[in-house]
Amino acid sequence: MGEGEGGGEYKDIPGFCKSATLDEIRKHGYVLTPGRYVGAEVRDEDDEPFEEKMQRLTAQLCEQMAEARRLDEVIWKNLKELGYGSE
């Protein structure tokens, strides 16, 4: 899509897109790996204390692992009903 076709004016977005110049590409030995040009998204400072964050993330991980186990059981049950379960 060109300008005026709903896209608006192009803008580099760190971690997403960048319009690299030929000199930049030449400098990187013509390697077109996006990370060399796009970089990483700029994030706001994380001011959550480490101990609190680890407790929160660990609790979230435990919930996700429990859900994964539940879903595994549902999948195996469905496979058995279809005649493919080995348990």
PDB file of N, CA and C in Angstrom:
ATOM      1  N   MET A   1       0.838  -1.177   0.000  1.00  0.00           N
ATOM      2  CA  MET A   1       0.000   0.000   0.000  1.00  0.00           C
ATOM      3  C   MET A   1       0.880   1.237   0.000  1.00  0.00           C
ATOM      4  N   GLY A   2       0.585   2.151  -0.849  1.00  0.00           N
ATOM      5  CA  GLY A   2       1.327   3.398  -0.872  1.00  0.00           C
ATOM      6  C   GLY A   2       0.672   4.431   0.013  1.00  0.00           C
ATOM      7  N   GLU A   3       1.344   5.578   0.110  1.00  0.00           N
ATOM      8  CA  GLU A   3       0.781   6.674   0.895  1.00  0.00           C
ATOM      9  C   GLU A   3      -0.535   7.095   0.266  1.00  0.00           C
ATOM     10  N   GLY A   4      -1.527   7.370   1.060  1.00  0.00           N
ATOM     11  CA  GLY A   4      -2.831   7.751   0.556  1.00  0.00           C
ATOM     12  C   GLY A   4      -3.758   6.563   0.328  1.00  0.00           C
ATOM     13  N   GLU A   5      -3.260   5.366   0.529  1.00  0.00           N
ATOM     14  CA  GLU A   5      -4.084   4.165   0.353  1.00  0.00           C
ATOM     15  C   GLU A   5      -4.453   3.564   1.700  1.00  0.00           C
ATOM     16  N   GLY A   6      -4.664   4.378   2.701  1.00  0.00           N
ATOM     17  CA  GLY A   6      -5.083   3.894   4.008  1.00  0.00           C
ATOM     18  C   GLY A   6      -3.934   3.642   4.964  1.00  0.00           C
ATOM     19  N   GLY A   7      -2.706   3.686   4.487  1.00  0.00           N
ATOM     20  CA  GLY A   7      -1.570   3.377   5.330  1.00  0.00           C
ATOM     21  C   GLY A   7      -0.975   4.575   6.034  1.00  0.00           C
ATOM     22  N   GLY A   8      -1.176   5.751   5.504  1.00  0.00           N
ATOM     23  CA  GLY A   8      -0.593   6.934   6.102  1.00  0.00           C
ATOM     24  C   GLY A   8       0.897   7.013   5.830  1.00  0.00           C
ATOM     25  N   GLU A   9       1.586   7.855   6.564  1.00  0.00           N
ATOM     26  CA  GLU A   9       3.023   8.044   6.384  1.00  0.00           C
ATOM     27  C   GLU A   9       3.786   6.943   7.112  1.00  0.00           C
ATOM     28  N   TYR A  10       4.840   6.401   6.465  1.00  0.00           N
ATOM     29  CA  TYR A  10       5.645   5.340   7.073  1.00  0.00           C
ATOM     30  C   TYR A  10       6.444   5.891   8.251  1.00  0.00           C
ATOM     31  N   LYS A  11       6.606   5.050   9.259  1.00  0.00           N
ATOM     32  CA  LYS A  11       7.392   5.415  10.441  1.00  0.00           C
ATOM     33  C   LYS A  11       8.068   4.152  10.962  1.00  0.00           C
ATOM     34  N   ASP A  12       9.402   4.223  11.221  1.00  0.00           N
ATOM     35  CA  ASP A  12      10.105   3.099  11.846  1.00  0.00           C
ATOM     36  C   ASP A  12       9.525   2.864  13.235  1.00  0.00           C
ATOM     37  N   ILE A  13       9.336   1.579  13.594  1.00  0.00           N
ATOM     38  CA  ILE A  13       8.844   1.218  14.922  1.00  0.00           C
ATOM     39  C   ILE A  13       9.817   0.203  15.507  1.00  0.00           C
ATOM     40  N   PRO A  14      10.584   0.592  16.554  1.00  0.00           N
ATOM     41  CA  PRO A  14      11.555  -0.334  17.143  1.00  0.00           C
ATOM     42  C   PRO A  14      10.906  -1.664  17.515  1.00  0.00           C
ATOM     43  N   GLY A  15      11.572  -2.760  17.148  1.00  0.00           N
ATOM     44  CA  GLY A  15      11.068  -4.091  17.448  1.00  0.00           C
ATOM     45  C   GLY A  15      10.028  -4.582  16.466  1.00  0.00           C
ATOM     46  N   PHE A  16       9.645  -3.752  15.482  1.00  0.00           N
ATOM     47  CA  PHE A  16       8.607  -4.144  14.535  1.00  0.00           C
ATOM     48  C   PHE A  16       9.016  -3.928  13.079  1.00  0.00           C
ATOM     49  N   CYS A  17       9.411  -2.690  12.739  1.00  0.00           N
ATOM     50  CA  CYS A  17       9.772  -2.423  11.339  1.00  0.00           C
ATOM     51  C   CYS A  17      10.778  -1.283  11.258  1.00  0.00           C
ATOM     52  N   LYS A  18      11.578  -1.305  10.152  1.00  0.00           N
ATOM     53  CA  LYS A  18      12.549  -0.247   9.908  1.00  0.00           C
ATOM     54  C   LYS A  18      12.851  -0.218   8.423  1.00  0.00           C
ATOM     55  N   SER A  19      12.937   0.955   7.880  1.00  0.00           N
ATOM     56  CA  SER A  19      13.336   1.133   6.495  1.00  0.00           C
ATOM     57  C   SER A  19      14.847   1.334   6.499  1.00  0.00           C
ATOM     58  N   ALA A  20      15.589   0.286   6.144  1.00  0.00           N
ATOM     59  CA  ALA A  20      17.052   0.335   6.168  1.00  0.00           C
ATOM     60  C   ALA A  20      17.582   0.933   4.875  1.00  0.00           C
ATOM     61  N   THR A  21      18.658   1.683   4.998  1.00  0.00           N
ATOM     62  CA  THR A  21      19.293   2.249   3.812  1.00  0.00           C
ATOM     63  C   THR A  21      20.233   1.210   3.206  1.00  0.00           C
ATOM     64  N   LEU A  22      20.597   1.426   1.965  1.00  0.00           N
ATOM     65  CA  LEU A  22      21.538   0.528   1.298  1.00  0.00           C
ATOM     66  C   LEU A  22      22.880   0.527   2.028  1.00  0.00           C
ATOM     67  N   ASP A  23      23.302   1.684   2.550  1.00  0.00           N
ATOM     68  CA  ASP A  23      24.557   1.745   3.311  1.00  0.00           C
ATOM     69  C   ASP A  23      24.494   0.878   4.570  1.00  0.00           C
ATOM     70  N   GLU A  24      23.355   0.886   5.272  1.00  0.00           N
ATOM     71  CA  GLU A  24      23.192   0.032   6.456  1.00  0.00           C
ATOM     72  C   GLU A  24      23.278  -1.436   6.069  1.00  0.00           C
ATOM     73  N   ILE A  25      22.622  -1.795   4.977  1.00  0.00           N
ATOM     74  CA  ILE A  25      22.629  -3.191   4.522  1.00  0.00           C
ATOM     75  C   ILE A  25      24.038  -3.596   4.116  1.00  0.00           C
ATOM     76  N   ARG A  26      24.731  -2.718   3.414  1.00  0.00           N
ATOM     77  CA  ARG A  26      26.120  -2.966   3.008  1.00  0.00           C
ATOM     78  C   ARG A  26      27.001  -3.169   4.252  1.00  0.00           C
ATOM     79  N   LYS A  27      26.809  -2.316   5.266  1.00  0.00           N
ATOM     80  CA  LYS A  27      27.592  -2.387   6.516  1.00  0.00           C
ATOM     81  C   LYS A  27      27.438  -3.746   7.197  1.00  0.00           C
ATOM     82  N   HIS A  28      26.260  -4.360   7.062  1.00  0.00           N
ATOM     83  CA  HIS A  28      25.993  -5.672   7.661  1.00  0.00           C
ATOM     84  C   HIS A  28      26.299  -6.818   6.700  1.00  0.00           C
ATOM     85  N   GLY A  29      27.084  -6.535   5.664  1.00  0.00           N
ATOM     86  CA  GLY A  29      27.484  -7.586   4.737  1.00  0.00           C
ATOM     87  C   GLY A  29      26.327  -8.143   3.922  1.00  0.00           C
ATOM     88  N   TYR A  30      25.331  -7.332   3.662  1.00  0.00           N
ATOM     89  CA  TYR A  30      24.151  -7.699   2.886  1.00  0.00           C
ATOM     90  C   TYR A  30      23.303  -8.780   3.553  1.00  0.00           C
ATOM     91  N   VAL A  31      23.504  -8.982   4.841  1.00  0.00           N
ATOM     92  CA  VAL A  31      22.664  -9.920   5.602  1.00  0.00           C
ATOM     93  C   VAL A  31      21.356  -9.194   5.911  1.00  0.00           C
ATOM     94  N   LEU A  32      20.248  -9.853   5.604  1.00  0.00           N
ATOM     95  CA  LEU A  32      18.940  -9.207   5.765  1.00  0.00           C
ATOM     96  C   LEU A  32      18.153  -9.707   6.968  1.00  0.00           C
ATOM     97  N   THR A  33      18.823 -10.254   7.966  1.00  0.00           N
ATOM     98  CA  THR A  33      18.163 -10.694   9.183  1.00  0.00           C
ATOM     99  C   THR A  33      17.499  -9.486   9.844  1.00  0.00           C
ATOM    100  N   PRO A  34      16.183  -9.524  10.042  1.00  0.00           N
ATOM    101  CA  PRO A  34      15.462  -8.343  10.548  1.00  0.00           C
ATOM    102  C   PRO A  34      16.011  -7.765  11.846  1.00  0.00           C
ATOM    103  N   GLY A  35      16.444  -8.626  12.768  1.00  0.00           N
ATOM    104  CA  GLY A  35      16.914  -8.141  14.063  1.00  0.00           C
ATOM    105  C   GLY A  35      18.090  -7.191  13.978  1.00  0.00           C
ATOM    106  N   ARG A  36      18.875  -7.302  12.930  1.00  0.00           N
ATOM    107  CA  ARG A  36      20.021  -6.395  12.765  1.00  0.00           C
ATOM    108  C   ARG A  36      19.567  -4.965  12.522  1.00  0.00           C
ATOM    109  N   TYR A  37      18.394  -4.802  11.998  1.00  0.00           N
ATOM    110  CA  TYR A  37      17.911  -3.486  11.619  1.00  0.00           C
ATOM    111  C   TYR A  37      16.779  -2.997  12.513  1.00  0.00           C
ATOM    112  N   VAL A  38      15.865  -3.895  12.829  1.00  0.00           N
ATOM    113  CA  VAL A  38      14.662  -3.520  13.567  1.00  0.00           C
ATOM    114  C   VAL A  38      14.967  -3.238  15.029  1.00  0.00           C
ATOM    115  N   GLY A  39      15.871  -4.024  15.631  1.00  0.00           N
ATOM    116  CA  GLY A  39      16.202  -3.838  17.035  1.00  0.00           C
ATOM    117  C   GLY A  39      15.119  -4.370  17.950  1.00  0.00           C
ATOM    118  N   ALA A  40      15.093  -3.882  19.168  1.00  0.00           N
ATOM    119  CA  ALA A  40      14.132  -4.340  20.172  1.00  0.00           C
ATOM    120  C   ALA A  40      13.186  -3.201  20.530  1.00  0.00           C
ATOM    121  N   GLU A  41      11.982  -3.594  20.900  1.00  0.00           N
ATOM    122  CA  GLU A  41      10.974  -2.629  21.325  1.00  0.00           C
ATOM    123  C   GLU A  41      11.439  -1.916  22.589  1.00  0.00           C
ATOM    124  N   VAL A  42      11.247  -0.612  22.628  1.00  0.00           N
ATOM    125  CA  VAL A  42      11.570   0.164  23.822  1.00  0.00           C
ATOM    126  C   VAL A  42      10.452  -0.053  24.830  1.00  0.00           C
ATOM    127  N   ARG A  43      10.813  -0.485  26.015  1.00  0.00           N
ATOM    128  CA  ARG A  43       9.803  -0.752  27.040  1.00  0.00           C
ATOM    129  C   ARG A  43       9.940   0.222  28.194  1.00  0.00           C
ATOM    130  N   ASP A  44       8.817   0.428  28.862  1.00  0.00           N
ATOM    131  CA  ASP A  44       8.832   1.278  30.052  1.00  0.00           C
ATOM    132  C   ASP A  44       9.595   0.574  31.156  1.00  0.00           C
ATOM    133  N   GLU A  45      10.117   1.351  32.078  1.00  0.00           N
ATOM    134  CA  GLU A  45      10.853   0.810  33.222  1.00  0.00           C
ATOM    135  C   GLU A  45       9.927  -0.081  34.057  1.00  0.00           C
ATOM    136  N   ASP A  46      10.424  -1.231  34.437  1.00  0.00           N
ATOM    137  CA  ASP A  46       9.667  -2.156  35.281  1.00  0.00           C
ATOM    138  C   ASP A  46       9.968  -1.808  36.732  1.00  0.00           C
ATOM    139  N   ASP A  47       8.988  -1.269  37.428  1.00  0.00           N
ATOM    140  CA  ASP A  47       9.226  -0.865  38.812  1.00  0.00           C
ATOM    141  C   ASP A  47       8.618  -1.837  39.814  1.00  0.00           C
ATOM    142  N   GLU A  48       8.222  -3.037  39.359  1.00  0.00           N
ATOM    143  CA  GLU A  48       7.706  -4.057  40.271  1.00  0.00           C
ATOM    144  C   GLU A  48       8.894  -4.703  40.992  1.00  0.00           C
ATOM    145  N   PRO A  49       8.888  -4.759  42.320  1.00  0.00           N
ATOM    146  CA  PRO A  49       9.994  -5.380  43.055  1.00  0.00           C
ATOM    147  C   PRO A  49      10.189  -6.840  42.621  1.00  0.00           C
ATOM    148  N   PHE A  50      11.459  -7.244  42.527  1.00  0.00           N
ATOM    149  CA  PHE A  50      11.806  -8.573  42.031  1.00  0.00           C
ATOM    150  C   PHE A  50      11.079  -9.685  42.782  1.00  0.00           C
ATOM    151  N   GLU A  51      11.091  -9.649  44.107  1.00  0.00           N
ATOM    152  CA  GLU A  51      10.471 -10.720  44.893  1.00  0.00           C
ATOM    153  C   GLU A  51       8.975 -10.825  44.604  1.00  0.00           C
ATOM    154  N   GLU A  52       8.298  -9.692  44.507  1.00  0.00           N
ATOM    155  CA  GLU A  52       6.865  -9.696  44.204  1.00  0.00           C
ATOM    156  C   GLU A  52       6.619 -10.235  42.795  1.00  0.00           C
ATOM    157  N   LYS A  53       7.458  -9.804  41.865  1.00  0.00           N
ATOM    158  CA  LYS A  53       7.307 -10.242  40.483  1.00  0.00           C
ATOM    159  C   LYS A  53       7.505 -11.750  40.368  1.00  0.00           C
ATOM    160  N   MET A  54       8.523 -12.277  41.044  1.00  0.00           N
ATOM    161  CA  MET A  54       8.789 -13.717  40.982  1.00  0.00           C
ATOM    162  C   MET A  54       7.651 -14.509  41.614  1.00  0.00           C
ATOM    163  N   GLN A  55       7.102 -14.032  42.705  1.00  0.00           N
ATOM    164  CA  GLN A  55       5.966 -14.715  43.321  1.00  0.00           C
ATOM    165  C   GLN A  55       4.772 -14.716  42.380  1.00  0.00           C
ATOM    166  N   ARG A  56       4.497 -13.566  41.752  1.00  0.00           N
ATOM    167  CA  ARG A  56       3.378 -13.451  40.828  1.00  0.00           C
ATOM    168  C   ARG A  56       3.584 -14.359  39.615  1.00  0.00           C
ATOM    169  N   LEU A  57       4.786 -14.323  39.047  1.00  0.00           N
ATOM    170  CA  LEU A  57       5.060 -15.133  37.865  1.00  0.00           C
ATOM    171  C   LEU A  57       5.055 -16.626  38.179  1.00  0.00           C
ATOM    172  N   THR A  58       5.555 -17.001  39.350  1.00  0.00           N
ATOM    173  CA  THR A  58       5.555 -18.406  39.752  1.00  0.00           C
ATOM    174  C   THR A  58       4.123 -18.906  39.936  1.00  0.00           C
ATOM    175  N   ALA A  59       3.285 -18.092  40.569  1.00  0.00           N
ATOM    176  CA  ALA A  59       1.874 -18.467  40.740  1.00  0.00           C
ATOM    177  C   ALA A  59       1.192 -18.589  39.380  1.00  0.00           C
ATOM    178  N   GLN A  60       1.485 -17.680  38.480  1.00  0.00           N
ATOM    179  CA  GLN A  60       0.906 -17.727  37.139  1.00  0.00           C
ATOM    180  C   GLN A  60       1.372 -18.983  36.407  1.00  0.00           C
ATOM    181  N   LEU A  61       2.650 -19.331  36.532  1.00  0.00           N
ATOM    182  CA  LEU A  61       3.189 -20.533  35.904  1.00  0.00           C
ATOM    183  C   LEU A  61       2.510 -21.786  36.447  1.00  0.00           C
ATOM    184  N   CYS A  62       2.310 -21.845  37.758  1.00  0.00           N
ATOM    185  CA  CYS A  62       1.627 -23.006  38.360  1.00  0.00           C
ATOM    186  C   CYS A  62       0.214 -23.150  37.807  1.00  0.00           C
ATOM    187  N   GLU A  63      -0.501 -22.040  37.665  1.00  0.00           N
ATOM    188  CA  GLU A  63      -1.855 -22.074  37.099  1.00  0.00           C
ATOM    189  C   GLU A  63      -1.822 -22.567  35.653  1.00  0.00           C
ATOM    190  N   GLN A  64      -0.867 -22.086  34.894  1.00  0.00           N
ATOM    191  CA  GLN A  64      -0.763 -22.478  33.493  1.00  0.00           C
ATOM    192  C   GLN A  64      -0.386 -23.958  33.356  1.00  0.00           C
ATOM    193  N   MET A  65       0.482 -24.443  34.228  1.00  0.00           N
ATOM    194  CA  MET A  65       0.874 -25.851  34.182  1.00  0.00           C
ATOM    195  C   MET A  65      -0.302 -26.749  34.566  1.00  0.00           C
ATOM    196  N   ALA A  66      -1.102 -26.312  35.542  1.00  0.00           N
ATOM    197  CA  ALA A  66      -2.285 -27.082  35.935  1.00  0.00           C
ATOM    198  C   ALA A  66      -3.278 -27.127  34.767  1.00  0.00           C
ATOM    199  N   GLU A  67      -3.444 -26.007  34.086  1.00  0.00           N
ATOM    200  CA  GLU A  67      -4.338 -25.964  32.924  1.00  0.00           C
ATOM    201  C   GLU A  67      -3.795 -26.865  31.807  1.00  0.00           C
ATOM    202  N   ALA A  68      -2.490 -26.891  31.628  1.00  0.00           N
ATOM    203  CA  ALA A  68      -1.883 -27.760  30.614  1.00  0.00           C
ATOM    204  C   ALA A  68      -2.156 -29.229  30.929  1.00  0.00           C
ATOM    205  N   ARG A  69      -2.031 -29.604  32.203  1.00  0.00           N
ATOM    206  CA  ARG A  69      -2.327 -30.989  32.599  1.00  0.00           C
ATOM    207  C   ARG A  69      -3.790 -31.333  32.322  1.00  0.00           C
ATOM    208  N   ARG A  70      -4.690 -30.394  32.658  1.00  0.00           N
ATOM    209  CA  ARG A  70      -6.112 -30.607  32.421  1.00  0.00           C
ATOM    210  C   ARG A  70      -6.385 -30.796  30.929  1.00  0.00           C
ATOM    211  N   LEU A  71      -5.784 -29.948  30.120  1.00  0.00           N
ATOM    212  CA  LEU A  71      -5.997 -30.043  28.678  1.00  0.00           C
ATOM    213  C   LEU A  71      -5.397 -31.327  28.104  1.00  0.00           C
ATOM    214  N   ASP A  72      -4.244 -31.761  28.653  1.00  0.00           N
ATOM    215  CA  ASP A  72      -3.662 -33.042  28.221  1.00  0.00           C
ATOM    216  C   ASP A  72      -4.637 -34.187  28.482  1.00  0.00           C
ATOM    217  N   GLU A  73      -5.273 -34.163  29.653  1.00  0.00           N
ATOM    218  CA  GLU A  73      -6.243 -35.215  29.991  1.00  0.00           C
ATOM    219  C   GLU A  73      -7.427 -35.198  29.025  1.00  0.00           C
ATOM    220  N   VAL A  74      -7.910 -34.020  28.685  1.00  0.00           N
ATOM    221  CA  VAL A  74      -9.020 -33.901  27.739  1.00  0.00           C
ATOM    222  C   VAL A  74      -8.606 -34.446  26.373  1.00  0.00           C
ATOM    223  N   ILE A  75      -7.418 -34.105  25.933  1.00  0.00           N
ATOM    224  CA  ILE A  75      -6.925 -34.586  24.636  1.00  0.00           C
ATOM    225  C   ILE A  75      -6.832 -36.104  24.636  1.00  0.00           C
ATOM    226  N   TRP A  76      -6.228 -36.689  25.688  1.00  0.00           N
ATOM    227  CA  TRP A  76      -6.102 -38.151  25.742  1.00  0.00           C
ATOM    228  C   TRP A  76      -7.469 -38.825  25.793  1.00  0.00           C
ATOM    229  N   LYS A  77      -8.396 -38.226  26.529  1.00  0.00           N
ATOM    230  CA  LYS A  77      -9.757 -38.781  26.593  1.00  0.00           C
ATOM    231  C   LYS A  77     -10.385 -38.797  25.202  1.00  0.00           C
ATOM    232  N   ASN A  78     -10.244 -37.687  24.489  1.00  0.00           N
ATOM    233  CA  ASN A  78     -10.798 -37.609  23.136  1.00  0.00           C
ATOM    234  C   ASN A  78     -10.122 -38.606  22.200  1.00  0.00           C
ATOM    235  N   LEU A  79      -8.808 -38.764  22.319  1.00  0.00           N
ATOM    236  CA  LEU A  79      -8.101 -39.726  21.482  1.00  0.00           C
ATOM    237  C   LEU A  79      -8.569 -41.155  21.770  1.00  0.00           C
ATOM    238  N   LYS A  80      -8.767 -41.472  23.050  1.00  0.00           N
ATOM    239  CA  LYS A  80      -9.253 -42.809  23.415  1.00  0.00           C
ATOM    240  C   LYS A  80     -10.632 -43.059  22.815  1.00  0.00           C
ATOM    241  N   GLU A  81     -11.505 -42.049  22.903  1.00  0.00           N
ATOM    242  CA  GLU A  81     -12.852 -42.190  22.347  1.00  0.00           C
ATOM    243  C   GLU A  81     -12.810 -42.402  20.842  1.00  0.00           C
ATOM    244  N   LEU A  82     -11.784 -41.888  20.202  1.00  0.00           N
ATOM    245  CA  LEU A  82     -11.635 -42.081  18.757  1.00  0.00           C
ATOM    246  C   LEU A  82     -10.869 -43.356  18.408  1.00  0.00           C
ATOM    247  N   GLY A  83     -10.427 -44.062  19.453  1.00  0.00           N
ATOM    248  CA  GLY A  83      -9.709 -45.319  19.241  1.00  0.00           C
ATOM    249  C   GLY A  83      -8.211 -45.177  19.045  1.00  0.00           C
ATOM    250  N   TYR A  84      -7.649 -44.032  19.417  1.00  0.00           N
ATOM    251  CA  TYR A  84      -6.220 -43.794  19.216  1.00  0.00           C
ATOM    252  C   TYR A  84      -5.442 -43.707  20.523  1.00  0.00           C
ATOM    253  N   GLY A  85      -6.095 -43.752  21.658  1.00  0.00           N
ATOM    254  CA  GLY A  85      -5.392 -43.648  22.930  1.00  0.00           C
ATOM    255  C   GLY A  85      -4.633 -44.908  23.261  1.00  0.00           C
ATOM    256  N   SER A  86      -3.453 -44.771  23.815  1.00  0.00           N
ATOM    257  CA  SER A  86      -2.651 -45.940  24.146  1.00  0.00           C
ATOM    258  C   SER A  86      -2.652 -46.245  25.635  1.00  0.00           C
ATOM    259  N   GLU A  87      -3.283 -45.395  26.422  1.00  0.00           N
ATOM    260  CA  GLU A  87      -3.281 -45.621  27.885  1.00  0.00           C
ATOM    261  C   GLU A  87      -4.438 -46.499  28.281  1.00  0.00           C
TER     262      GLU A  87
END
